[in-house]
N, C-alpha and C. Protein backbone atom coordinates (compact mmCIF):
# COMPACT_ATOMS: atom_id res chain seq x y z
N UNK A 1 283.52 174.79 33.49
CA UNK A 1 282.18 174.96 33.15
C UNK A 1 281.79 176.45 33.12
N UNK A 2 282.31 177.24 34.02
CA UNK A 2 281.96 178.61 34.21
C UNK A 2 282.22 179.39 32.92
N UNK A 3 283.36 179.12 32.23
CA UNK A 3 283.68 179.83 31.06
C UNK A 3 282.64 179.59 29.92
N UNK A 4 282.28 178.38 29.76
CA UNK A 4 281.38 177.95 28.70
C UNK A 4 280.02 178.63 28.91
N UNK A 5 279.51 178.60 30.18
CA UNK A 5 278.20 179.21 30.46
C UNK A 5 278.31 180.70 30.33
N UNK A 6 279.40 181.30 30.78
CA UNK A 6 279.53 182.75 30.66
C UNK A 6 279.53 183.18 29.16
N UNK A 7 280.20 182.32 28.33
CA UNK A 7 280.15 182.66 26.89
C UNK A 7 278.71 182.64 26.41
N UNK A 8 277.92 181.60 26.79
CA UNK A 8 276.53 181.52 26.38
C UNK A 8 275.75 182.71 26.90
N UNK A 9 276.05 183.16 28.06
CA UNK A 9 275.31 184.29 28.64
C UNK A 9 275.65 185.58 27.88
N UNK A 10 276.92 185.77 27.54
CA UNK A 10 277.34 186.94 26.80
C UNK A 10 276.64 186.94 25.37
N UNK A 11 276.50 185.78 24.81
CA UNK A 11 275.81 185.62 23.54
C UNK A 11 274.30 185.61 23.68
N UNK A 12 273.78 185.86 24.93
CA UNK A 12 272.33 185.91 25.17
C UNK A 12 271.64 184.62 24.77
N UNK A 13 272.37 183.49 24.92
CA UNK A 13 271.81 182.17 24.63
C UNK A 13 271.38 181.55 26.01
N UNK A 14 270.34 182.11 26.64
CA UNK A 14 269.98 181.83 28.03
C UNK A 14 269.39 180.37 28.12
N UNK A 15 268.76 179.91 27.09
CA UNK A 15 268.19 178.51 27.15
C UNK A 15 269.33 177.52 27.30
N UNK A 16 270.35 177.66 26.44
CA UNK A 16 271.48 176.79 26.56
C UNK A 16 272.27 176.91 27.77
N UNK A 17 272.41 178.10 28.25
CA UNK A 17 273.12 178.39 29.50
C UNK A 17 272.42 177.72 30.66
N UNK A 18 271.09 177.87 30.74
CA UNK A 18 270.31 177.25 31.78
C UNK A 18 270.40 175.75 31.74
N UNK A 19 270.34 175.18 30.53
CA UNK A 19 270.44 173.68 30.42
C UNK A 19 271.80 173.23 30.95
N UNK A 20 272.82 173.98 30.63
CA UNK A 20 274.19 173.53 31.11
C UNK A 20 274.28 173.70 32.65
N UNK A 21 273.73 174.79 33.16
CA UNK A 21 273.73 175.00 34.64
C UNK A 21 272.93 173.88 35.34
N UNK A 22 271.74 173.54 34.80
CA UNK A 22 270.94 172.38 35.39
C UNK A 22 271.83 171.15 35.40
N UNK A 23 272.48 170.81 34.27
CA UNK A 23 273.31 169.59 34.27
C UNK A 23 274.28 169.58 35.38
N UNK A 24 274.91 170.70 35.61
CA UNK A 24 276.00 170.78 36.56
C UNK A 24 275.66 171.01 38.04
N UNK A 25 274.50 171.63 38.20
CA UNK A 25 274.22 172.08 39.60
C UNK A 25 272.92 171.53 40.15
N UNK A 26 272.06 170.90 39.37
CA UNK A 26 270.73 170.51 39.90
C UNK A 26 270.86 169.57 41.13
N UNK A 27 271.74 168.60 41.06
CA UNK A 27 271.87 167.70 42.16
C UNK A 27 272.39 168.42 43.45
N UNK A 28 273.32 169.27 43.20
CA UNK A 28 273.88 170.00 44.41
C UNK A 28 272.88 170.95 45.02
N UNK A 29 272.09 171.57 44.26
CA UNK A 29 271.03 172.50 44.75
C UNK A 29 270.00 171.70 45.45
N UNK A 30 269.59 170.53 44.90
CA UNK A 30 268.51 169.78 45.58
C UNK A 30 269.09 169.23 46.89
N UNK A 31 270.32 168.76 46.96
CA UNK A 31 270.85 168.30 48.21
C UNK A 31 270.92 169.42 49.29
N UNK A 32 271.26 170.60 48.83
CA UNK A 32 271.24 171.74 49.77
C UNK A 32 269.85 172.02 50.28
N UNK A 33 268.91 172.03 49.37
CA UNK A 33 267.52 172.31 49.68
C UNK A 33 267.00 171.23 50.68
N UNK A 34 267.35 169.95 50.40
CA UNK A 34 266.93 168.88 51.27
C UNK A 34 267.60 168.99 52.66
N UNK A 35 268.78 169.38 52.72
CA UNK A 35 269.46 169.56 53.97
C UNK A 35 268.80 170.71 54.85
N UNK A 36 268.38 171.77 54.15
CA UNK A 36 267.77 172.88 54.85
C UNK A 36 266.39 172.72 55.17
N UNK A 37 265.56 172.03 54.25
CA UNK A 37 264.12 171.84 54.45
C UNK A 37 263.73 170.52 55.15
N UNK A 38 264.60 169.53 55.01
CA UNK A 38 264.37 168.20 55.63
C UNK A 38 263.09 167.53 55.19
N UNK A 39 262.75 167.75 53.94
CA UNK A 39 261.53 167.12 53.31
C UNK A 39 261.81 167.02 51.87
N UNK A 40 261.92 165.83 51.33
CA UNK A 40 262.25 165.58 49.94
C UNK A 40 261.25 166.28 48.97
N UNK A 41 259.95 166.17 49.24
CA UNK A 41 258.94 166.71 48.35
C UNK A 41 259.07 168.18 48.32
N UNK A 42 259.26 168.81 49.44
CA UNK A 42 259.34 170.27 49.54
C UNK A 42 260.68 170.74 48.90
N UNK A 43 261.74 169.92 49.08
CA UNK A 43 263.01 170.25 48.49
C UNK A 43 262.94 170.21 46.94
N UNK A 44 262.16 169.28 46.40
CA UNK A 44 261.99 169.30 44.97
C UNK A 44 261.29 170.52 44.45
N UNK A 45 260.22 170.94 45.19
CA UNK A 45 259.52 172.14 44.78
C UNK A 45 260.36 173.42 44.87
N UNK A 46 261.09 173.47 45.95
CA UNK A 46 262.00 174.67 46.13
C UNK A 46 263.09 174.62 45.14
N UNK A 47 263.61 173.47 44.77
CA UNK A 47 264.66 173.39 43.71
C UNK A 47 264.12 173.96 42.42
N UNK A 48 262.83 173.61 42.08
CA UNK A 48 262.27 174.13 40.85
C UNK A 48 262.15 175.70 40.99
N UNK A 49 261.74 176.17 42.10
CA UNK A 49 261.65 177.60 42.34
C UNK A 49 262.97 178.34 42.17
N UNK A 50 264.00 177.63 42.68
CA UNK A 50 265.37 178.25 42.51
C UNK A 50 265.71 178.37 41.08
N UNK A 51 265.56 177.34 40.32
CA UNK A 51 265.95 177.43 38.90
C UNK A 51 265.07 178.31 38.08
N UNK A 52 263.89 178.46 38.50
CA UNK A 52 262.94 179.46 37.90
C UNK A 52 263.48 180.86 38.17
N UNK A 53 263.83 181.19 39.40
CA UNK A 53 264.39 182.39 39.74
C UNK A 53 265.70 182.67 38.98
N UNK A 54 266.52 181.64 38.88
CA UNK A 54 267.77 181.74 38.18
C UNK A 54 267.50 182.10 36.69
N UNK A 55 266.54 181.44 36.12
CA UNK A 55 266.14 181.66 34.70
C UNK A 55 265.76 183.14 34.48
N UNK A 56 264.94 183.63 35.41
CA UNK A 56 264.56 185.09 35.33
C UNK A 56 265.71 185.99 35.56
N UNK A 57 266.68 185.59 36.34
CA UNK A 57 267.87 186.51 36.70
C UNK A 57 269.02 186.31 35.70
N UNK A 58 269.05 185.31 34.89
CA UNK A 58 270.17 185.17 33.97
C UNK A 58 270.57 186.44 33.22
N UNK A 59 269.64 187.17 32.63
CA UNK A 59 270.02 188.31 31.89
C UNK A 59 270.78 189.35 32.70
N UNK A 60 270.52 189.35 34.02
CA UNK A 60 271.18 190.31 34.88
C UNK A 60 272.55 189.87 35.40
N UNK A 61 272.93 188.59 35.11
CA UNK A 61 274.17 188.15 35.66
C UNK A 61 275.38 188.90 34.99
N UNK A 62 276.19 189.48 35.89
CA UNK A 62 277.21 190.33 35.29
C UNK A 62 278.63 189.78 35.48
N UNK A 63 278.76 188.63 36.13
CA UNK A 63 280.06 187.94 36.17
C UNK A 63 280.91 188.39 37.27
N UNK A 64 280.47 189.31 38.13
CA UNK A 64 281.22 189.80 39.26
C UNK A 64 281.55 188.67 40.33
N UNK A 65 280.54 187.87 40.49
CA UNK A 65 280.73 186.64 41.42
C UNK A 65 280.77 185.41 40.51
N UNK A 66 281.46 184.37 41.07
CA UNK A 66 281.46 183.11 40.34
C UNK A 66 280.05 182.59 40.15
N UNK A 67 279.76 181.91 39.05
CA UNK A 67 278.43 181.42 38.82
C UNK A 67 277.90 180.60 39.85
N UNK A 68 278.74 179.67 40.45
CA UNK A 68 278.28 178.75 41.53
C UNK A 68 278.00 179.55 42.78
N UNK A 69 278.71 180.57 43.06
CA UNK A 69 278.46 181.42 44.26
C UNK A 69 277.15 182.18 44.07
N UNK A 70 276.88 182.72 42.89
CA UNK A 70 275.70 183.44 42.58
C UNK A 70 274.43 182.56 42.65
N UNK A 71 274.58 181.28 42.08
CA UNK A 71 273.45 180.36 42.20
C UNK A 71 273.26 179.93 43.60
N UNK A 72 274.32 179.70 44.36
CA UNK A 72 274.17 179.33 45.76
C UNK A 72 273.48 180.39 46.51
N UNK A 73 273.76 181.67 46.37
CA UNK A 73 273.05 182.69 47.02
C UNK A 73 271.57 182.74 46.73
N UNK A 74 271.23 182.56 45.49
CA UNK A 74 269.77 182.48 45.12
C UNK A 74 269.09 181.24 45.78
N UNK A 75 269.84 180.08 45.77
CA UNK A 75 269.32 178.92 46.42
C UNK A 75 269.20 179.09 47.93
N UNK A 76 270.19 179.58 48.55
CA UNK A 76 270.11 179.74 50.02
C UNK A 76 268.98 180.66 50.41
N UNK A 77 268.88 181.78 49.73
CA UNK A 77 267.80 182.74 50.12
C UNK A 77 266.43 182.19 49.84
N UNK A 78 266.24 181.41 48.77
CA UNK A 78 264.96 180.76 48.47
C UNK A 78 264.64 179.71 49.54
N UNK A 79 265.66 178.95 49.93
CA UNK A 79 265.43 177.91 50.96
C UNK A 79 265.08 178.56 52.30
N UNK A 80 265.80 179.62 52.67
CA UNK A 80 265.52 180.30 53.92
C UNK A 80 264.11 180.86 53.95
N UNK A 81 263.61 181.40 52.83
CA UNK A 81 262.28 181.92 52.68
C UNK A 81 261.27 180.78 52.85
N UNK A 82 261.53 179.59 52.33
CA UNK A 82 260.69 178.44 52.47
C UNK A 82 260.64 177.94 53.88
N UNK A 83 261.84 177.95 54.56
CA UNK A 83 261.90 177.50 55.93
C UNK A 83 261.02 178.44 56.83
N UNK A 84 261.19 179.77 56.62
CA UNK A 84 260.34 180.68 57.42
C UNK A 84 258.86 180.49 57.14
N UNK A 85 258.54 180.28 55.86
CA UNK A 85 257.11 180.12 55.51
C UNK A 85 256.56 178.77 56.22
N UNK A 86 257.36 177.82 56.20
CA UNK A 86 256.93 176.48 56.83
C UNK A 86 256.76 176.71 58.27
N UNK A 87 257.57 177.50 58.93
CA UNK A 87 257.48 177.75 60.34
C UNK A 87 256.25 178.43 60.70
N UNK A 88 255.67 179.29 59.82
CA UNK A 88 254.41 179.95 60.09
C UNK A 88 253.27 178.94 59.98
N UNK A 89 253.37 177.91 59.16
CA UNK A 89 252.29 177.01 58.92
C UNK A 89 252.38 175.75 59.72
N UNK A 90 253.42 175.55 60.44
CA UNK A 90 253.66 174.30 61.15
C UNK A 90 252.56 174.00 62.20
N UNK A 91 251.95 172.83 62.13
CA UNK A 91 250.99 172.40 63.03
C UNK A 91 251.37 170.96 63.52
N UNK A 92 250.79 170.60 64.64
CA UNK A 92 251.07 169.30 65.19
C UNK A 92 249.72 168.51 65.32
N UNK A 93 249.82 167.19 65.08
CA UNK A 93 248.68 166.38 65.29
C UNK A 93 248.59 166.09 66.80
N UNK A 94 247.36 165.87 67.28
CA UNK A 94 247.21 165.57 68.67
C UNK A 94 247.83 164.23 69.00
N UNK A 95 248.00 163.35 68.01
CA UNK A 95 248.69 162.09 68.27
C UNK A 95 250.20 162.28 68.51
N UNK A 96 250.72 163.37 68.04
CA UNK A 96 252.20 163.64 68.17
C UNK A 96 252.53 164.26 69.56
N UNK A 97 251.52 164.75 70.23
CA UNK A 97 251.77 165.38 71.52
C UNK A 97 251.93 164.40 72.61
N UNK A 98 252.98 164.49 73.36
CA UNK A 98 253.28 163.56 74.48
C UNK A 98 252.56 164.00 75.73
N UNK A 99 252.09 163.02 76.48
CA UNK A 99 251.50 163.40 77.76
C UNK A 99 252.56 163.80 78.73
N UNK A 100 252.27 164.69 79.64
CA UNK A 100 253.31 165.15 80.59
C UNK A 100 253.73 163.87 81.41
N UNK A 101 254.98 163.76 81.61
CA UNK A 101 255.55 162.68 82.40
C UNK A 101 255.57 161.41 81.65
N UNK A 102 255.17 161.30 80.44
CA UNK A 102 255.24 160.08 79.69
C UNK A 102 256.72 159.81 79.36
N UNK A 103 257.16 158.50 79.41
CA UNK A 103 258.57 158.22 79.15
C UNK A 103 258.79 158.41 77.64
N UNK A 104 259.97 158.87 77.34
CA UNK A 104 260.38 159.04 75.91
C UNK A 104 261.35 157.93 75.59
N UNK A 105 261.23 157.43 74.34
CA UNK A 105 262.16 156.37 73.89
C UNK A 105 263.40 157.09 73.53
N UNK A 106 264.55 156.55 73.80
CA UNK A 106 265.86 157.11 73.41
C UNK A 106 266.41 156.15 72.35
N UNK A 107 266.66 156.66 71.15
CA UNK A 107 267.16 155.80 70.11
C UNK A 107 268.61 155.37 70.46
N UNK A 108 268.95 154.21 70.07
CA UNK A 108 270.26 153.65 70.37
C UNK A 108 271.22 154.21 69.35
N UNK A 109 270.82 154.37 68.11
CA UNK A 109 271.68 154.81 67.04
C UNK A 109 271.12 156.08 66.46
N UNK A 110 272.02 157.07 66.32
CA UNK A 110 271.61 158.40 65.69
C UNK A 110 272.32 158.51 64.35
N UNK A 111 271.60 158.85 63.35
CA UNK A 111 272.18 158.99 62.03
C UNK A 111 272.84 160.40 61.87
N UNK A 112 273.71 160.46 60.93
CA UNK A 112 274.39 161.76 60.64
C UNK A 112 273.41 162.79 60.26
N UNK A 113 272.40 162.40 59.47
CA UNK A 113 271.42 163.34 59.03
C UNK A 113 270.59 163.89 60.26
N UNK A 114 270.27 163.04 61.17
CA UNK A 114 269.59 163.48 62.37
C UNK A 114 270.46 164.45 63.18
N UNK A 115 271.67 164.18 63.26
CA UNK A 115 272.61 165.04 64.03
C UNK A 115 272.71 166.38 63.26
N UNK A 116 272.80 166.38 61.93
CA UNK A 116 272.93 167.67 61.17
C UNK A 116 271.70 168.48 61.44
N UNK A 117 270.50 167.82 61.48
CA UNK A 117 269.26 168.56 61.70
C UNK A 117 269.19 169.36 63.01
N UNK A 118 269.98 168.82 64.00
CA UNK A 118 269.96 169.38 65.38
C UNK A 118 270.95 170.59 65.45
N UNK A 119 271.79 170.81 64.49
CA UNK A 119 272.71 171.87 64.49
C UNK A 119 272.05 173.20 64.18
N UNK A 120 272.49 174.29 64.75
CA UNK A 120 272.00 175.62 64.37
C UNK A 120 272.19 175.82 62.91
N UNK A 121 271.31 176.52 62.20
CA UNK A 121 271.33 176.79 60.76
C UNK A 121 272.70 177.20 60.17
N UNK A 122 273.41 178.18 60.81
CA UNK A 122 274.75 178.55 60.22
C UNK A 122 275.71 177.39 60.22
N UNK A 123 275.70 176.62 61.32
CA UNK A 123 276.66 175.43 61.43
C UNK A 123 276.26 174.36 60.41
N UNK A 124 274.97 174.13 60.19
CA UNK A 124 274.55 173.19 59.22
C UNK A 124 274.90 173.54 57.84
N UNK A 125 274.76 174.85 57.49
CA UNK A 125 275.08 175.25 56.18
C UNK A 125 276.61 175.16 55.96
N UNK A 126 277.49 175.51 56.96
CA UNK A 126 278.87 175.41 56.80
C UNK A 126 279.29 173.99 56.57
N UNK A 127 278.76 173.05 57.44
CA UNK A 127 279.14 171.66 57.36
C UNK A 127 278.73 171.16 56.00
N UNK A 128 277.53 171.45 55.56
CA UNK A 128 277.03 170.92 54.28
C UNK A 128 277.86 171.41 53.10
N UNK A 129 278.24 172.70 53.13
CA UNK A 129 279.10 173.17 52.01
C UNK A 129 280.51 172.57 52.11
N UNK A 130 281.08 172.58 53.25
CA UNK A 130 282.52 172.20 53.40
C UNK A 130 282.65 170.71 53.17
N UNK A 131 281.87 169.86 53.83
CA UNK A 131 282.01 168.46 53.79
C UNK A 131 281.21 167.72 52.67
N UNK A 132 279.91 168.08 52.59
CA UNK A 132 279.07 167.37 51.65
C UNK A 132 279.19 167.89 50.19
N UNK A 133 279.52 169.23 50.07
CA UNK A 133 279.65 169.72 48.70
C UNK A 133 281.19 170.01 48.40
N UNK A 134 282.01 169.55 49.35
CA UNK A 134 283.43 169.62 49.10
C UNK A 134 283.98 171.02 48.67
N UNK A 135 283.59 172.05 49.39
CA UNK A 135 284.03 173.38 49.24
C UNK A 135 285.11 173.74 50.18
N UNK A 136 286.03 174.70 49.81
CA UNK A 136 287.03 175.09 50.74
C UNK A 136 286.50 176.27 51.60
N UNK A 137 287.23 176.66 52.63
CA UNK A 137 286.76 177.66 53.58
C UNK A 137 286.51 179.02 52.87
N UNK A 138 287.32 179.39 51.96
CA UNK A 138 287.18 180.69 51.27
C UNK A 138 285.93 180.62 50.43
N UNK A 139 285.61 179.51 49.77
CA UNK A 139 284.35 179.43 48.96
C UNK A 139 283.11 179.51 49.88
N UNK A 140 283.17 178.75 50.96
CA UNK A 140 282.06 178.77 51.95
C UNK A 140 281.86 180.20 52.48
N UNK A 141 282.96 180.87 52.77
CA UNK A 141 282.84 182.26 53.26
C UNK A 141 282.17 183.16 52.23
N UNK A 142 282.59 183.00 51.00
CA UNK A 142 281.98 183.87 49.91
C UNK A 142 280.52 183.53 49.75
N UNK A 143 280.17 182.20 49.77
CA UNK A 143 278.80 181.81 49.53
C UNK A 143 277.83 182.29 50.67
N UNK A 144 278.34 182.26 51.87
CA UNK A 144 277.51 182.66 52.97
C UNK A 144 277.67 184.14 53.42
N UNK A 145 278.59 184.83 52.69
CA UNK A 145 278.88 186.19 53.03
C UNK A 145 279.25 186.34 54.44
N UNK A 146 280.30 185.51 54.80
CA UNK A 146 280.83 185.49 56.17
C UNK A 146 282.38 185.64 56.13
N UNK A 147 283.03 186.19 57.12
CA UNK A 147 284.46 186.16 57.15
C UNK A 147 285.00 184.74 57.28
N UNK A 148 286.13 184.41 56.79
CA UNK A 148 286.72 183.14 56.82
C UNK A 148 286.88 182.62 58.30
N UNK A 149 287.24 183.49 59.15
CA UNK A 149 287.39 183.06 60.54
C UNK A 149 286.09 182.72 61.13
N UNK A 150 284.92 183.30 60.77
CA UNK A 150 283.62 182.90 61.26
C UNK A 150 283.26 181.50 60.73
N UNK A 151 283.64 181.22 59.48
CA UNK A 151 283.39 179.94 58.89
C UNK A 151 284.21 178.83 59.70
N UNK A 152 285.42 179.16 59.99
CA UNK A 152 286.27 178.21 60.73
C UNK A 152 285.68 178.01 62.11
N UNK A 153 285.15 179.08 62.78
CA UNK A 153 284.58 178.88 64.10
C UNK A 153 283.33 178.03 63.98
N UNK A 154 282.45 178.20 62.95
CA UNK A 154 281.23 177.44 62.78
C UNK A 154 281.64 175.94 62.51
N UNK A 155 282.67 175.75 61.74
CA UNK A 155 283.13 174.35 61.46
C UNK A 155 283.59 173.71 62.77
N UNK A 156 284.40 174.42 63.58
CA UNK A 156 284.90 173.86 64.83
C UNK A 156 283.70 173.52 65.74
N UNK A 157 282.81 174.40 65.93
CA UNK A 157 281.63 174.23 66.87
C UNK A 157 280.82 173.14 66.39
N UNK A 158 280.59 173.05 65.06
CA UNK A 158 279.69 171.99 64.53
C UNK A 158 280.36 170.63 64.69
N UNK A 159 281.68 170.57 64.41
CA UNK A 159 282.36 169.26 64.61
C UNK A 159 282.30 168.83 66.07
N UNK A 160 282.46 169.74 66.99
CA UNK A 160 282.33 169.35 68.43
C UNK A 160 280.94 168.95 68.78
N UNK A 161 279.97 169.64 68.29
CA UNK A 161 278.55 169.29 68.53
C UNK A 161 278.23 167.95 67.95
N UNK A 162 278.66 167.68 66.72
CA UNK A 162 278.40 166.42 66.12
C UNK A 162 279.05 165.26 66.81
N UNK A 163 280.30 165.48 67.27
CA UNK A 163 281.06 164.43 68.02
C UNK A 163 280.34 164.15 69.31
N UNK A 164 279.80 165.17 69.96
CA UNK A 164 279.06 164.97 71.25
C UNK A 164 277.81 164.21 70.98
N UNK A 165 277.07 164.53 69.86
CA UNK A 165 275.84 163.87 69.55
C UNK A 165 275.99 162.44 69.19
N UNK A 166 277.16 162.18 68.56
CA UNK A 166 277.38 160.77 68.05
C UNK A 166 278.10 159.91 69.03
N UNK A 167 278.57 160.49 70.11
CA UNK A 167 279.36 159.70 71.10
C UNK A 167 278.44 158.72 71.81
N UNK A 168 278.96 157.49 72.03
CA UNK A 168 278.11 156.48 72.70
C UNK A 168 277.70 157.02 74.10
N UNK A 169 276.44 156.84 74.43
CA UNK A 169 275.95 157.25 75.66
C UNK A 169 276.17 156.15 76.74
N UNK A 170 276.47 156.45 77.97
CA UNK A 170 276.62 155.40 78.93
C UNK A 170 275.25 154.72 79.20
N UNK A 171 275.25 153.46 79.38
CA UNK A 171 274.00 152.73 79.62
C UNK A 171 273.79 152.74 81.12
N UNK A 172 272.67 152.14 81.51
CA UNK A 172 272.35 151.98 82.99
C UNK A 172 273.49 151.28 83.67
N UNK A 173 273.68 151.60 84.92
CA UNK A 173 274.78 151.06 85.66
C UNK A 173 274.66 149.55 85.71
N UNK A 174 275.78 148.87 85.40
CA UNK A 174 275.76 147.40 85.42
C UNK A 174 276.00 146.95 86.82
N UNK A 175 275.33 145.88 87.25
CA UNK A 175 275.60 145.30 88.60
C UNK A 175 277.05 144.90 88.74
N UNK A 176 277.57 145.20 89.90
CA UNK A 176 279.00 144.87 90.10
C UNK A 176 279.00 143.43 90.71
N UNK A 177 280.19 142.88 90.53
CA UNK A 177 280.37 141.54 91.17
C UNK A 177 280.46 141.80 92.67
N UNK A 178 279.86 141.03 93.50
CA UNK A 178 279.96 141.20 94.95
C UNK A 178 278.82 142.05 95.44
N UNK A 179 278.82 142.32 96.75
CA UNK A 179 277.77 143.13 97.36
C UNK A 179 277.89 144.59 96.99
N UNK A 180 276.78 145.33 97.05
CA UNK A 180 276.83 146.71 96.87
C UNK A 180 277.22 147.38 98.19
N UNK A 181 277.62 148.70 98.10
CA UNK A 181 278.02 149.38 99.32
C UNK A 181 276.92 149.42 100.39
N UNK A 182 275.65 149.44 99.91
CA UNK A 182 274.52 149.50 100.82
C UNK A 182 274.41 148.23 101.68
N UNK A 183 274.79 147.14 101.01
CA UNK A 183 274.62 145.79 101.68
C UNK A 183 275.69 145.61 102.70
N UNK A 184 276.83 146.21 102.62
CA UNK A 184 277.93 146.01 103.49
C UNK A 184 278.72 144.78 103.14
N UNK A 185 279.71 144.45 103.90
CA UNK A 185 280.55 143.29 103.59
C UNK A 185 279.75 142.01 103.82
N UNK A 186 280.17 140.96 103.14
CA UNK A 186 279.48 139.62 103.33
C UNK A 186 279.61 139.15 104.79
N UNK A 187 278.54 138.50 105.22
CA UNK A 187 278.59 137.89 106.61
C UNK A 187 279.53 136.75 106.65
N UNK A 188 280.25 136.66 107.78
CA UNK A 188 281.23 135.55 107.89
C UNK A 188 280.62 134.50 108.70
N UNK A 189 280.85 133.31 108.30
CA UNK A 189 280.36 132.21 109.13
C UNK A 189 281.45 131.76 110.10
N UNK A 190 281.09 131.66 111.38
CA UNK A 190 282.02 131.29 112.39
C UNK A 190 282.00 129.81 112.66
């Protein structure tokens, strides 16, 4: 795909190049935005912003980086800006605030998406690119502008954290057969 789009860009046929890029990357960019923003509606808006930025930047594309890497960099930076902006505006409803000492419900089953949300941002990005977008370590390193060793460390830590999050939790102690240690041995009848 890269060769065809690059030919279109060299010929200054930006409309056709953008159409081809949209066909090939729109779903991937949306999934990345959804992973980072955790809100489908906001991810759709940001995906549109990403492709608008791409459209404006197409004449400046010089081919030094792979087209997918270049697009990913635009997408990542746009998503990070949206995450920061959302952090400034975040508010909570009074209904969402727990009373001190109120018991909290513990879910029995945790989804992979919920676990991914709990990872630090660099680990979530690496896991998303490596596993969900099927990129190799060197691609992930180039996209995130990180050394390959750092990407491997993030993968290792993220896998460990995900395994711990998804491990079954021990339930309340089950009553044992027979008396408990506090009760002592059973009384003998003489």
